[in-house]
């Protein structure tokens, strides 16, 4: 079962900036808002 959690915009920004600044080689953080369960996400 998939659960939806709302995350405030300022929290998303803070977390994504922290990841980008602290993890070498990471230059983008994505927040998936699709209705598909995580196990069915396909990247092209």
N, C-alpha and C. Protein backbone atom coordinates (compact mmCIF):
# COMPACT_ATOMS: atom_id res chain seq x y z
N UNK A 1 0.85 -1.17 0.00
CA UNK A 1 0.00 0.00 0.00
C UNK A 1 0.90 1.24 0.00
N UNK A 2 0.51 2.25 -0.76
CA UNK A 2 1.27 3.49 -0.85
C UNK A 2 0.60 4.55 0.00
N UNK A 3 1.39 5.28 0.75
CA UNK A 3 0.88 6.37 1.58
C UNK A 3 1.37 7.70 1.03
N UNK A 4 0.52 8.70 1.08
CA UNK A 4 0.87 10.04 0.60
C UNK A 4 1.14 10.92 1.80
N UNK A 5 2.26 11.57 1.77
CA UNK A 5 2.63 12.51 2.83
C UNK A 5 2.86 13.88 2.21
N UNK A 6 2.27 14.89 2.77
CA UNK A 6 2.51 16.25 2.31
C UNK A 6 3.74 16.80 3.02
N UNK A 7 4.63 17.41 2.24
CA UNK A 7 5.84 18.00 2.79
C UNK A 7 5.84 19.48 2.40
N UNK A 8 6.01 20.34 3.38
CA UNK A 8 6.02 21.78 3.12
C UNK A 8 7.15 22.15 2.17
N UNK A 9 6.90 23.14 1.32
CA UNK A 9 7.88 23.56 0.34
C UNK A 9 9.21 23.96 0.93
N UNK A 10 9.20 24.64 2.08
CA UNK A 10 10.46 25.06 2.68
C UNK A 10 11.26 23.86 3.18
N UNK A 11 10.57 22.80 3.62
CA UNK A 11 11.26 21.58 4.06
C UNK A 11 11.88 20.87 2.86
N UNK A 12 11.14 20.76 1.77
CA UNK A 12 11.69 20.14 0.55
C UNK A 12 12.92 20.88 0.09
N UNK A 13 12.85 22.19 0.08
CA UNK A 13 13.99 22.99 -0.35
C UNK A 13 15.20 22.82 0.55
N UNK A 14 14.97 22.82 1.84
CA UNK A 14 16.06 22.65 2.80
C UNK A 14 16.71 21.29 2.66
N UNK A 15 15.89 20.24 2.56
CA UNK A 15 16.43 18.88 2.44
C UNK A 15 17.18 18.71 1.12
N UNK A 16 16.59 19.17 0.02
CA UNK A 16 17.25 19.00 -1.27
C UNK A 16 18.56 19.78 -1.34
N UNK A 17 18.58 20.99 -0.81
CA UNK A 17 19.83 21.76 -0.78
C UNK A 17 20.89 21.07 0.07
N UNK A 18 20.49 20.51 1.19
CA UNK A 18 21.43 19.80 2.06
C UNK A 18 22.03 18.60 1.32
N UNK A 19 21.19 17.82 0.65
CA UNK A 19 21.68 16.65 -0.09
C UNK A 19 22.64 17.08 -1.19
N UNK A 20 22.25 18.09 -1.96
CA UNK A 20 23.09 18.56 -3.07
C UNK A 20 24.43 19.08 -2.57
N UNK A 21 24.43 19.78 -1.45
CA UNK A 21 25.67 20.37 -0.93
C UNK A 21 26.57 19.36 -0.21
N UNK A 22 26.01 18.30 0.31
CA UNK A 22 26.79 17.36 1.12
C UNK A 22 27.20 16.08 0.40
N UNK A 23 26.47 15.68 -0.64
CA UNK A 23 26.75 14.40 -1.30
C UNK A 23 27.46 14.68 -2.62
N UNK A 24 28.69 14.24 -2.70
CA UNK A 24 29.50 14.47 -3.89
C UNK A 24 28.87 13.78 -5.10
N UNK A 25 28.78 14.49 -6.22
CA UNK A 25 28.24 13.93 -7.45
C UNK A 25 26.74 14.09 -7.62
N UNK A 26 26.04 14.57 -6.60
CA UNK A 26 24.60 14.80 -6.70
C UNK A 26 24.36 16.24 -7.11
N UNK A 27 23.61 16.46 -8.17
CA UNK A 27 23.32 17.82 -8.60
C UNK A 27 21.82 18.07 -8.79
N UNK A 28 20.99 17.06 -8.42
CA UNK A 28 19.55 17.23 -8.56
C UNK A 28 18.85 16.28 -7.60
N UNK A 29 17.80 16.79 -6.95
CA UNK A 29 16.96 15.97 -6.08
C UNK A 29 15.54 16.10 -6.59
N UNK A 30 14.89 14.97 -6.83
CA UNK A 30 13.54 14.97 -7.37
C UNK A 30 12.54 14.49 -6.33
N UNK A 31 11.38 15.10 -6.31
CA UNK A 31 10.29 14.71 -5.43
C UNK A 31 9.18 14.20 -6.34
N UNK A 32 8.94 12.91 -6.31
CA UNK A 32 7.98 12.28 -7.21
C UNK A 32 6.55 12.52 -6.71
N UNK A 33 5.73 13.18 -7.54
CA UNK A 33 4.36 13.47 -7.15
C UNK A 33 3.35 12.66 -7.95
N UNK A 34 3.85 11.65 -8.68
CA UNK A 34 2.94 10.82 -9.46
C UNK A 34 2.11 9.93 -8.55
N UNK A 35 1.01 9.44 -9.07
CA UNK A 35 0.14 8.58 -8.30
C UNK A 35 0.52 7.12 -8.36
N UNK A 36 1.61 6.82 -9.07
CA UNK A 36 2.02 5.43 -9.22
C UNK A 36 2.75 4.95 -7.96
N UNK A 37 2.54 3.71 -7.56
CA UNK A 37 3.32 3.16 -6.45
C UNK A 37 4.81 3.15 -6.79
N UNK A 38 5.64 3.29 -5.80
CA UNK A 38 7.09 3.38 -6.02
C UNK A 38 7.65 2.22 -6.81
N UNK A 39 7.15 1.03 -6.64
CA UNK A 39 7.69 -0.14 -7.32
C UNK A 39 7.43 -0.13 -8.82
N UNK A 40 6.56 0.74 -9.30
CA UNK A 40 6.22 0.72 -10.73
C UNK A 40 6.80 1.90 -11.48
N UNK A 41 7.62 2.71 -10.84
CA UNK A 41 8.21 3.86 -11.52
C UNK A 41 9.24 3.38 -12.54
N UNK A 42 9.13 3.87 -13.75
CA UNK A 42 10.06 3.50 -14.81
C UNK A 42 10.73 4.75 -15.32
N UNK A 43 12.05 4.73 -15.40
CA UNK A 43 12.83 5.86 -15.90
C UNK A 43 13.20 5.58 -17.35
N UNK A 44 13.02 6.57 -18.21
CA UNK A 44 13.36 6.40 -19.62
C UNK A 44 14.75 6.92 -19.88
